[in-house]
Amino acid sequence: MAVTIQVENIKCAGCANSIQKKLLALDSVKTVEVNIETGMVVCATENVNQEIEQQIAQQLLNMGYPQVGSVEGLKAAGAKAKSFVSCAVGKINKDD
């Protein structure tokens, strides 16, 4: 089963690397695919329920990658700033 979420602020492979590492740390997530061009994040899980979907969406938001249309104004600006940090960390840790 899979959870698919379209998110904002994905810019590069560093972003994708950070997203993959953080989401794979969740017990319910088995694999993560990130499409940089479309902003789609697909997480394979053993089962899909609202709690798992919310957990994944919240983790993405915490990293600065909110679901498309879920944040506006200053919250969107804050998310963008967080995404720059997540991106930089992803670039640094790419070979881990």
PDB file of N, CA and C in Angstrom:
ATOM      1  N   MET A   1       0.845  -1.156   0.000  1.00  0.00           N
ATOM      2  CA  MET A   1       0.000   0.000   0.000  1.00  0.00           C
ATOM      3  C   MET A   1       0.903   1.237   0.000  1.00  0.00           C
ATOM      4  N   ALA A   2       0.361   2.352  -0.474  1.00  0.00           N
ATOM      5  CA  ALA A   2       1.186   3.550  -0.582  1.00  0.00           C
ATOM      6  C   ALA A   2       0.416   4.800  -0.185  1.00  0.00           C
ATOM      7  N   VAL A   3       1.171   5.754   0.359  1.00  0.00           N
ATOM      8  CA  VAL A   3       0.671   7.087   0.647  1.00  0.00           C
ATOM      9  C   VAL A   3       1.363   8.020  -0.329  1.00  0.00           C
ATOM     10  N   THR A   4       0.574   8.794  -1.077  1.00  0.00           N
ATOM     11  CA  THR A   4       1.129   9.736  -2.045  1.00  0.00           C
ATOM     12  C   THR A   4       0.722  11.143  -1.641  1.00  0.00           C
ATOM     13  N   ILE A   5       1.717  12.029  -1.508  1.00  0.00           N
ATOM     14  CA  ILE A   5       1.466  13.411  -1.114  1.00  0.00           C
ATOM     15  C   ILE A   5       2.263  14.318  -2.043  1.00  0.00           C
ATOM     16  N   GLN A   6       1.596  15.341  -2.588  1.00  0.00           N
ATOM     17  CA  GLN A   6       2.300  16.345  -3.381  1.00  0.00           C
ATOM     18  C   GLN A   6       2.672  17.488  -2.456  1.00  0.00           C
ATOM     19  N   VAL A   7       3.961  17.814  -2.410  1.00  0.00           N
ATOM     20  CA  VAL A   7       4.454  18.822  -1.482  1.00  0.00           C
ATOM     21  C   VAL A   7       5.120  19.983  -2.214  1.00  0.00           C
ATOM     22  N   GLU A   8       5.306  21.054  -1.473  1.00  0.00           N
ATOM     23  CA  GLU A   8       5.965  22.247  -1.999  1.00  0.00           C
ATOM     24  C   GLU A   8       7.429  22.273  -1.584  1.00  0.00           C
ATOM     25  N   ASN A   9       8.217  23.079  -2.261  1.00  0.00           N
ATOM     26  CA  ASN A   9       9.594  23.435  -1.900  1.00  0.00           C
ATOM     27  C   ASN A   9      10.665  22.406  -2.232  1.00  0.00           C
ATOM     28  N   ILE A  10      10.343  21.312  -2.913  1.00  0.00           N
ATOM     29  CA  ILE A  10      11.396  20.377  -3.312  1.00  0.00           C
ATOM     30  C   ILE A  10      12.149  21.007  -4.485  1.00  0.00           C
ATOM     31  N   LYS A  11      13.462  21.157  -4.299  1.00  0.00           N
ATOM     32  CA  LYS A  11      14.262  21.836  -5.309  1.00  0.00           C
ATOM     33  C   LYS A  11      15.322  20.963  -5.965  1.00  0.00           C
ATOM     34  N   CYS A  12      15.804  19.946  -5.220  1.00  0.00           N
ATOM     35  CA  CYS A  12      16.958  19.216  -5.739  1.00  0.00           C
ATOM     36  C   CYS A  12      17.095  17.846  -5.078  1.00  0.00           C
ATOM     37  N   ALA A  13      18.160  17.153  -5.426  1.00  0.00           N
ATOM     38  CA  ALA A  13      18.429  15.836  -4.860  1.00  0.00           C
ATOM     39  C   ALA A  13      18.725  15.917  -3.365  1.00  0.00           C
ATOM     40  N   GLY A  14      19.255  17.049  -2.893  1.00  0.00           N
ATOM     41  CA  GLY A  14      19.489  17.221  -1.457  1.00  0.00           C
ATOM     42  C   GLY A  14      18.176  17.193  -0.693  1.00  0.00           C
ATOM     43  N   CYS A  15      17.162  17.866  -1.240  1.00  0.00           N
ATOM     44  CA  CYS A  15      15.829  17.850  -0.632  1.00  0.00           C
ATOM     45  C   CYS A  15      15.301  16.416  -0.601  1.00  0.00           C
ATOM     46  N   ALA A  16      15.394  15.738  -1.731  1.00  0.00           N
ATOM     47  CA  ALA A  16      14.892  14.366  -1.841  1.00  0.00           C
ATOM     48  C   ALA A  16      15.606  13.449  -0.858  1.00  0.00           C
ATOM     49  N   ASN A  17      16.909  13.608  -0.700  1.00  0.00           N
ATOM     50  CA  ASN A  17      17.685  12.783   0.219  1.00  0.00           C
ATOM     51  C   ASN A  17      17.220  12.998   1.663  1.00  0.00           C
ATOM     52  N   SER A  18      17.019  14.259   2.048  1.00  0.00           N
ATOM     53  CA  SER A  18      16.542  14.554   3.402  1.00  0.00           C
ATOM     54  C   SER A  18      15.163  13.949   3.647  1.00  0.00           C
ATOM     55  N   ILE A  19      14.278  14.102   2.682  1.00  0.00           N
ATOM     56  CA  ILE A  19      12.923  13.564   2.805  1.00  0.00           C
ATOM     57  C   ILE A  19      12.973  12.047   2.967  1.00  0.00           C
ATOM     58  N   GLN A  20      13.758  11.382   2.134  1.00  0.00           N
ATOM     59  CA  GLN A  20      13.856   9.928   2.216  1.00  0.00           C
ATOM     60  C   GLN A  20      14.361   9.475   3.580  1.00  0.00           C
ATOM     61  N   LYS A  21      15.417  10.094   4.072  1.00  0.00           N
ATOM     62  CA  LYS A  21      15.994   9.678   5.353  1.00  0.00           C
ATOM     63  C   LYS A  21      15.018   9.894   6.500  1.00  0.00           C
ATOM     64  N   LYS A  22      14.365  11.044   6.548  1.00  0.00           N
ATOM     65  CA  LYS A  22      13.433  11.333   7.642  1.00  0.00           C
ATOM     66  C   LYS A  22      12.216  10.413   7.614  1.00  0.00           C
ATOM     67  N   LEU A  23      11.667  10.182   6.430  1.00  0.00           N
ATOM     68  CA  LEU A  23      10.473   9.350   6.342  1.00  0.00           C
ATOM     69  C   LEU A  23      10.784   7.879   6.567  1.00  0.00           C
ATOM     70  N   LEU A  24      11.941   7.424   6.151  1.00  0.00           N
ATOM     71  CA  LEU A  24      12.318   6.033   6.393  1.00  0.00           C
ATOM     72  C   LEU A  24      12.560   5.759   7.880  1.00  0.00           C
ATOM     73  N   ALA A  25      12.777   6.811   8.650  1.00  0.00           N
ATOM     74  CA  ALA A  25      12.951   6.657  10.088  1.00  0.00           C
ATOM     75  C   ALA A  25      11.624   6.357  10.796  1.00  0.00           C
ATOM     76  N   LEU A  26      10.498   6.608  10.115  1.00  0.00           N
ATOM     77  CA  LEU A  26       9.189   6.292  10.674  1.00  0.00           C
ATOM     78  C   LEU A  26       8.965   4.777  10.584  1.00  0.00           C
ATOM     79  N   ASP A  27       8.490   4.169  11.652  1.00  0.00           N
ATOM     80  CA  ASP A  27       8.299   2.714  11.692  1.00  0.00           C
ATOM     81  C   ASP A  27       7.378   2.202  10.590  1.00  0.00           C
ATOM     82  N   SER A  28       6.362   2.978  10.242  1.00  0.00           N
ATOM     83  CA  SER A  28       5.356   2.512   9.287  1.00  0.00           C
ATOM     84  C   SER A  28       5.790   2.623   7.824  1.00  0.00           C
ATOM     85  N   VAL A  29       6.871   3.345   7.553  1.00  0.00           N
ATOM     86  CA  VAL A  29       7.303   3.583   6.172  1.00  0.00           C
ATOM     87  C   VAL A  29       8.396   2.594   5.780  1.00  0.00           C
ATOM     88  N   LYS A  30       8.169   1.894   4.662  1.00  0.00           N
ATOM     89  CA  LYS A  30       9.118   0.880   4.190  1.00  0.00           C
ATOM     90  C   LYS A  30      10.032   1.408   3.078  1.00  0.00           C
ATOM     91  N   THR A  31       9.462   2.158   2.127  1.00  0.00           N
ATOM     92  CA  THR A  31      10.250   2.768   1.056  1.00  0.00           C
ATOM     93  C   THR A  31       9.705   4.168   0.785  1.00  0.00           C
ATOM     94  N   VAL A  32      10.564   5.016   0.208  1.00  0.00           N
ATOM     95  CA  VAL A  32      10.172   6.384  -0.134  1.00  0.00           C
ATOM     96  C   VAL A  32      10.713   6.711  -1.516  1.00  0.00           C
ATOM     97  N   GLU A  33       9.836   7.235  -2.367  1.00  0.00           N
ATOM     98  CA  GLU A  33      10.238   7.737  -3.681  1.00  0.00           C
ATOM     99  C   GLU A  33       9.863   9.210  -3.744  1.00  0.00           C
ATOM    100  N   VAL A  34      10.801  10.042  -4.222  1.00  0.00           N
ATOM    101  CA  VAL A  34      10.563  11.473  -4.334  1.00  0.00           C
ATOM    102  C   VAL A  34      10.773  11.885  -5.780  1.00  0.00           C
ATOM    103  N   ASN A  35       9.762  12.512  -6.374  1.00  0.00           N
ATOM    104  CA  ASN A  35       9.874  13.054  -7.721  1.00  0.00           C
ATOM    105  C   ASN A  35      10.111  14.549  -7.580  1.00  0.00           C
ATOM    106  N   ILE A  36      11.332  14.975  -7.842  1.00  0.00           N
ATOM    107  CA  ILE A  36      11.728  16.372  -7.662  1.00  0.00           C
ATOM    108  C   ILE A  36      10.916  17.290  -8.571  1.00  0.00           C
ATOM    109  N   GLU A  37      10.690  16.890  -9.792  1.00  0.00           N
ATOM    110  CA  GLU A  37      10.002  17.746 -10.763  1.00  0.00           C
ATOM    111  C   GLU A  37       8.538  17.980 -10.430  1.00  0.00           C
ATOM    112  N   THR A  38       7.841  16.960  -9.928  1.00  0.00           N
ATOM    113  CA  THR A  38       6.411  17.102  -9.645  1.00  0.00           C
ATOM    114  C   THR A  38       6.116  17.380  -8.171  1.00  0.00           C
ATOM    115  N   GLY A  39       7.105  17.170  -7.314  1.00  0.00           N
ATOM    116  CA  GLY A  39       6.894  17.354  -5.885  1.00  0.00           C
ATOM    117  C   GLY A  39       6.130  16.215  -5.236  1.00  0.00           C
ATOM    118  N   MET A  40       6.041  15.088  -5.907  1.00  0.00           N
ATOM    119  CA  MET A  40       5.304  13.947  -5.376  1.00  0.00           C
ATOM    120  C   MET A  40       6.218  13.096  -4.487  1.00  0.00           C
ATOM    121  N   VAL A  41       5.677  12.749  -3.323  1.00  0.00           N
ATOM    122  CA  VAL A  41       6.366  11.862  -2.390  1.00  0.00           C
ATOM    123  C   VAL A  41       5.479  10.636  -2.219  1.00  0.00           C
ATOM    124  N   VAL A  42       6.034   9.455  -2.501  1.00  0.00           N
ATOM    125  CA  VAL A  42       5.280   8.211  -2.396  1.00  0.00           C
ATOM    126  C   VAL A  42       5.964   7.331  -1.357  1.00  0.00           C
ATOM    127  N   CYS A  43       5.208   6.978  -0.318  1.00  0.00           N
ATOM    128  CA  CYS A  43       5.726   6.137   0.755  1.00  0.00           C
ATOM    129  C   CYS A  43       4.998   4.805   0.749  1.00  0.00           C
ATOM    130  N   ALA A  44       5.755   3.723   0.657  1.00  0.00           N
ATOM    131  CA  ALA A  44       5.158   2.395   0.756  1.00  0.00           C
ATOM    132  C   ALA A  44       5.049   2.037   2.237  1.00  0.00           C
ATOM    133  N   THR A  45       3.869   1.553   2.617  1.00  0.00           N
ATOM    134  CA  THR A  45       3.609   1.156   3.994  1.00  0.00           C
ATOM    135  C   THR A  45       2.905  -0.197   3.985  1.00  0.00           C
ATOM    136  N   GLU A  46       2.932  -0.880   5.127  1.00  0.00           N
ATOM    137  CA  GLU A  46       2.243  -2.171   5.210  1.00  0.00           C
ATOM    138  C   GLU A  46       0.736  -1.991   5.112  1.00  0.00           C
ATOM    139  N   ASN A  47       0.244  -0.920   5.703  1.00  0.00           N
ATOM    140  CA  ASN A  47      -1.172  -0.577   5.566  1.00  0.00           C
ATOM    141  C   ASN A  47      -1.306   0.939   5.587  1.00  0.00           C
ATOM    142  N   VAL A  48      -2.379   1.436   5.028  1.00  0.00           N
ATOM    143  CA  VAL A  48      -2.594   2.873   4.954  1.00  0.00           C
ATOM    144  C   VAL A  48      -3.816   3.214   5.794  1.00  0.00           C
ATOM    145  N   ASN A  49      -3.623   4.174   6.679  1.00  0.00           N
ATOM    146  CA  ASN A  49      -4.755   4.695   7.437  1.00  0.00           C
ATOM    147  C   ASN A  49      -4.520   6.180   7.675  1.00  0.00           C
ATOM    148  N   GLN A  50      -5.515   6.837   8.216  1.00  0.00           N
ATOM    149  CA  GLN A  50      -5.441   8.282   8.386  1.00  0.00           C
ATOM    150  C   GLN A  50      -4.290   8.689   9.309  1.00  0.00           C
ATOM    151  N   GLU A  51      -4.032   7.898  10.335  1.00  0.00           N
ATOM    152  CA  GLU A  51      -2.961   8.213  11.271  1.00  0.00           C
ATOM    153  C   GLU A  51      -1.590   8.198  10.573  1.00  0.00           C
ATOM    154  N   ILE A  52      -1.355   7.192   9.756  1.00  0.00           N
ATOM    155  CA  ILE A  52      -0.081   7.103   9.026  1.00  0.00           C
ATOM    156  C   ILE A  52       0.045   8.260   8.040  1.00  0.00           C
ATOM    157  N   GLU A  53      -1.025   8.562   7.312  1.00  0.00           N
ATOM    158  CA  GLU A  53      -0.997   9.682   6.366  1.00  0.00           C
ATOM    159  C   GLU A  53      -0.696  10.999   7.079  1.00  0.00           C
ATOM    160  N   GLN A  54      -1.309  11.221   8.236  1.00  0.00           N
ATOM    161  CA  GLN A  54      -1.072  12.445   8.997  1.00  0.00           C
ATOM    162  C   GLN A  54       0.355  12.494   9.533  1.00  0.00           C
ATOM    163  N   GLN A  55       0.866  11.364   9.965  1.00  0.00           N
ATOM    164  CA  GLN A  55       2.233  11.291  10.479  1.00  0.00           C
ATOM    165  C   GLN A  55       3.238  11.666   9.386  1.00  0.00           C
ATOM    166  N   ILE A  56       3.030  11.147   8.187  1.00  0.00           N
ATOM    167  CA  ILE A  56       3.922  11.447   7.067  1.00  0.00           C
ATOM    168  C   ILE A  56       3.805  12.923   6.683  1.00  0.00           C
ATOM    169  N   ALA A  57       2.584  13.413   6.563  1.00  0.00           N
ATOM    170  CA  ALA A  57       2.367  14.822   6.196  1.00  0.00           C
ATOM    171  C   ALA A  57       2.971  15.754   7.246  1.00  0.00           C
ATOM    172  N   GLN A  58       2.838  15.412   8.523  1.00  0.00           N
ATOM    173  CA  GLN A  58       3.395  16.248   9.587  1.00  0.00           C
ATOM    174  C   GLN A  58       4.919  16.256   9.547  1.00  0.00           C
ATOM    175  N   GLN A  59       5.522  15.105   9.297  1.00  0.00           N
ATOM    176  CA  GLN A  59       6.977  15.034   9.197  1.00  0.00           C
ATOM    177  C   GLN A  59       7.474  15.895   8.036  1.00  0.00           C
ATOM    178  N   LEU A  60       6.770  15.818   6.915  1.00  0.00           N
ATOM    179  CA  LEU A  60       7.139  16.646   5.763  1.00  0.00           C
ATOM    180  C   LEU A  60       7.007  18.133   6.094  1.00  0.00           C
ATOM    181  N   LEU A  61       5.910  18.512   6.746  1.00  0.00           N
ATOM    182  CA  LEU A  61       5.706  19.904   7.137  1.00  0.00           C
ATOM    183  C   LEU A  61       6.803  20.369   8.082  1.00  0.00           C
ATOM    184  N   ASN A  62       7.162  19.539   9.050  1.00  0.00           N
ATOM    185  CA  ASN A  62       8.219  19.890  10.004  1.00  0.00           C
ATOM    186  C   ASN A  62       9.544  20.152   9.303  1.00  0.00           C
ATOM    187  N   MET A  63       9.759  19.502   8.173  1.00  0.00           N
ATOM    188  CA  MET A  63      10.997  19.670   7.412  1.00  0.00           C
ATOM    189  C   MET A  63      10.940  20.849   6.443  1.00  0.00           C
ATOM    190  N   GLY A  64       9.740  21.430   6.264  1.00  0.00           N
ATOM    191  CA  GLY A  64       9.596  22.546   5.332  1.00  0.00           C
ATOM    192  C   GLY A  64       9.024  22.155   3.988  1.00  0.00           C
ATOM    193  N   TYR A  65       8.432  20.970   3.917  1.00  0.00           N
ATOM    194  CA  TYR A  65       7.825  20.484   2.677  1.00  0.00           C
ATOM    195  C   TYR A  65       6.331  20.224   2.908  1.00  0.00           C
ATOM    196  N   PRO A  66       5.542  21.309   3.025  1.00  0.00           N
ATOM    197  CA  PRO A  66       4.113  21.123   3.303  1.00  0.00           C
ATOM    198  C   PRO A  66       3.355  20.588   2.097  1.00  0.00           C
ATOM    199  N   GLN A  67       2.247  19.919   2.391  1.00  0.00           N
ATOM    200  CA  GLN A  67       1.375  19.456   1.320  1.00  0.00           C
ATOM    201  C   GLN A  67       0.895  20.672   0.529  1.00  0.00           C
ATOM    202  N   VAL A  68       0.827  20.543  -0.781  1.00  0.00           N
ATOM    203  CA  VAL A  68       0.435  21.650  -1.655  1.00  0.00           C
ATOM    204  C   VAL A  68      -0.891  22.237  -1.164  1.00  0.00           C
ATOM    205  N   GLY A  69      -0.894  23.567  -0.981  1.00  0.00           N
ATOM    206  CA  GLY A  69      -2.096  24.278  -0.590  1.00  0.00           C
ATOM    207  C   GLY A  69      -2.430  24.236   0.890  1.00  0.00           C
ATOM    208  N   SER A  70      -1.570  23.640   1.717  1.00  0.00           N
ATOM    209  CA  SER A  70      -1.903  23.493   3.139  1.00  0.00           C
ATOM    210  C   SER A  70      -1.424  24.647   4.009  1.00  0.00           C
ATOM    211  N   VAL A  71      -0.475  25.443   3.538  1.00  0.00           N
ATOM    212  CA  VAL A  71       0.004  26.592   4.314  1.00  0.00           C
ATOM    213  C   VAL A  71       0.050  27.830   3.429  1.00  0.00           C
ATOM    214  N   GLU A  72      -0.176  28.990   4.068  1.00  0.00           N
ATOM    215  CA  GLU A  72      -0.168  30.256   3.337  1.00  0.00           C
ATOM    216  C   GLU A  72       0.541  31.317   4.153  1.00  0.00           C
ATOM    217  N   GLY A  73       0.847  32.428   3.520  1.00  0.00           N
ATOM    218  CA  GLY A  73       1.397  33.591   4.200  1.00  0.00           C
ATOM    219  C   GLY A  73       2.701  33.319   4.912  1.00  0.00           C
ATOM    220  N   LEU A  74       2.773  33.772   6.181  1.00  0.00           N
ATOM    221  CA  LEU A  74       4.004  33.614   6.949  1.00  0.00           C
ATOM    222  C   LEU A  74       4.359  32.156   7.197  1.00  0.00           C
ATOM    223  N   LYS A  75       3.355  31.303   7.331  1.00  0.00           N
ATOM    224  CA  LYS A  75       3.638  29.868   7.516  1.00  0.00           C
ATOM    225  C   LYS A  75       4.311  29.289   6.277  1.00  0.00           C
ATOM    226  N   ALA A  76       3.892  29.750   5.099  1.00  0.00           N
ATOM    227  CA  ALA A  76       4.520  29.286   3.857  1.00  0.00           C
ATOM    228  C   ALA A  76       5.964  29.766   3.783  1.00  0.00           C
ATOM    229  N   ALA A  77       6.209  31.016   4.197  1.00  0.00           N
ATOM    230  CA  ALA A  77       7.572  31.554   4.198  1.00  0.00           C
ATOM    231  C   ALA A  77       8.442  30.776   5.182  1.00  0.00           C
ATOM    232  N   GLY A  78       7.884  30.440   6.353  1.00  0.00           N
ATOM    233  CA  GLY A  78       8.621  29.649   7.332  1.00  0.00           C
ATOM    234  C   GLY A  78       8.944  28.263   6.815  1.00  0.00           C
ATOM    235  N   ALA A  79       7.985  27.662   6.113  1.00  0.00           N
ATOM    236  CA  ALA A  79       8.206  26.336   5.534  1.00  0.00           C
ATOM    237  C   ALA A  79       9.320  26.388   4.500  1.00  0.00           C
ATOM    238  N   LYS A  80       9.325  27.442   3.702  1.00  0.00           N
ATOM    239  CA  LYS A  80      10.355  27.576   2.668  1.00  0.00           C
ATOM    240  C   LYS A  80      11.739  27.688   3.323  1.00  0.00           C
ATOM    241  N   ALA A  81      11.827  28.462   4.399  1.00  0.00           N
ATOM    242  CA  ALA A  81      13.103  28.605   5.106  1.00  0.00           C
ATOM    243  C   ALA A  81      13.563  27.263   5.672  1.00  0.00           C
ATOM    244  N   LYS A  82      12.643  26.504   6.276  1.00  0.00           N
ATOM    245  CA  LYS A  82      12.991  25.182   6.800  1.00  0.00           C
ATOM    246  C   LYS A  82      13.466  24.258   5.691  1.00  0.00           C
ATOM    247  N   SER A  83      12.838  24.377   4.515  1.00  0.00           N
ATOM    248  CA  SER A  83      13.217  23.492   3.410  1.00  0.00           C
ATOM    249  C   SER A  83      14.650  23.754   2.956  1.00  0.00           C
ATOM    250  N   PHE A  84      15.103  25.023   3.045  1.00  0.00           N
ATOM    251  CA  PHE A  84      16.484  25.328   2.671  1.00  0.00           C
ATOM    252  C   PHE A  84      17.455  24.604   3.600  1.00  0.00           C
ATOM    253  N   VAL A  85      17.136  24.558   4.890  1.00  0.00           N
ATOM    254  CA  VAL A  85      17.981  23.862   5.856  1.00  0.00           C
ATOM    255  C   VAL A  85      17.967  22.363   5.570  1.00  0.00           C
ATOM    256  N   SER A  86      16.769  21.801   5.364  1.00  0.00           N
ATOM    257  CA  SER A  86      16.657  20.365   5.061  1.00  0.00           C
ATOM    258  C   SER A  86      17.419  20.020   3.794  1.00  0.00           C
ATOM    259  N   CYS A  87      17.345  20.890   2.813  1.00  0.00           N
ATOM    260  CA  CYS A  87      18.044  20.690   1.549  1.00  0.00           C
ATOM    261  C   CYS A  87      19.556  20.633   1.779  1.00  0.00           C
ATOM    262  N   ALA A  88      20.064  21.614   2.541  1.00  0.00           N
ATOM    263  CA  ALA A  88      21.506  21.671   2.806  1.00  0.00           C
ATOM    264  C   ALA A  88      21.973  20.425   3.551  1.00  0.00           C
ATOM    265  N   VAL A  89      21.207  19.998   4.541  1.00  0.00           N
ATOM    266  CA  VAL A  89      21.555  18.791   5.290  1.00  0.00           C
ATOM    267  C   VAL A  89      21.559  17.581   4.357  1.00  0.00           C
ATOM    268  N   GLY A  90      20.577  17.517   3.452  1.00  0.00           N
ATOM    269  CA  GLY A  90      20.502  16.416   2.504  1.00  0.00           C
ATOM    270  C   GLY A  90      21.693  16.365   1.561  1.00  0.00           C
ATOM    271  N   LYS A  91      22.171  17.539   1.185  1.00  0.00           N
ATOM    272  CA  LYS A  91      23.350  17.591   0.310  1.00  0.00           C
ATOM    273  C   LYS A  91      24.605  17.125   1.053  1.00  0.00           C
ATOM    274  N   ILE A  92      24.723  17.541   2.305  1.00  0.00           N
ATOM    275  CA  ILE A  92      25.888  17.174   3.108  1.00  0.00           C
ATOM    276  C   ILE A  92      25.912  15.675   3.378  1.00  0.00           C
ATOM    277  N   ASN A  93      24.735  15.107   3.679  1.00  0.00           N
ATOM    278  CA  ASN A  93      24.645  13.693   4.066  1.00  0.00           C
ATOM    279  C   ASN A  93      24.308  12.767   2.909  1.00  0.00           C
ATOM    280  N   LYS A  94      24.435  13.228   1.695  1.00  0.00           N
ATOM    281  CA  LYS A  94      24.004  12.451   0.535  1.00  0.00           C
ATOM    282  C   LYS A  94      24.683  11.092   0.436  1.00  0.00           C
ATOM    283  N   ASP A  95      25.923  11.006   0.826  1.00  0.00           N
ATOM    284  CA  ASP A  95      26.661   9.753   0.665  1.00  0.00           C
ATOM    285  C   ASP A  95      26.610   8.849   1.882  1.00  0.00           C
ATOM    286  N   ASP A  96      25.856   9.239   2.920  1.00  0.00           N
ATOM    287  CA  ASP A  96      25.739   8.399   4.125  1.00  0.00           C
ATOM    288  C   ASP A  96      24.987   7.130   3.860  1.00  0.00           C
TER     289      ASP A  96
END
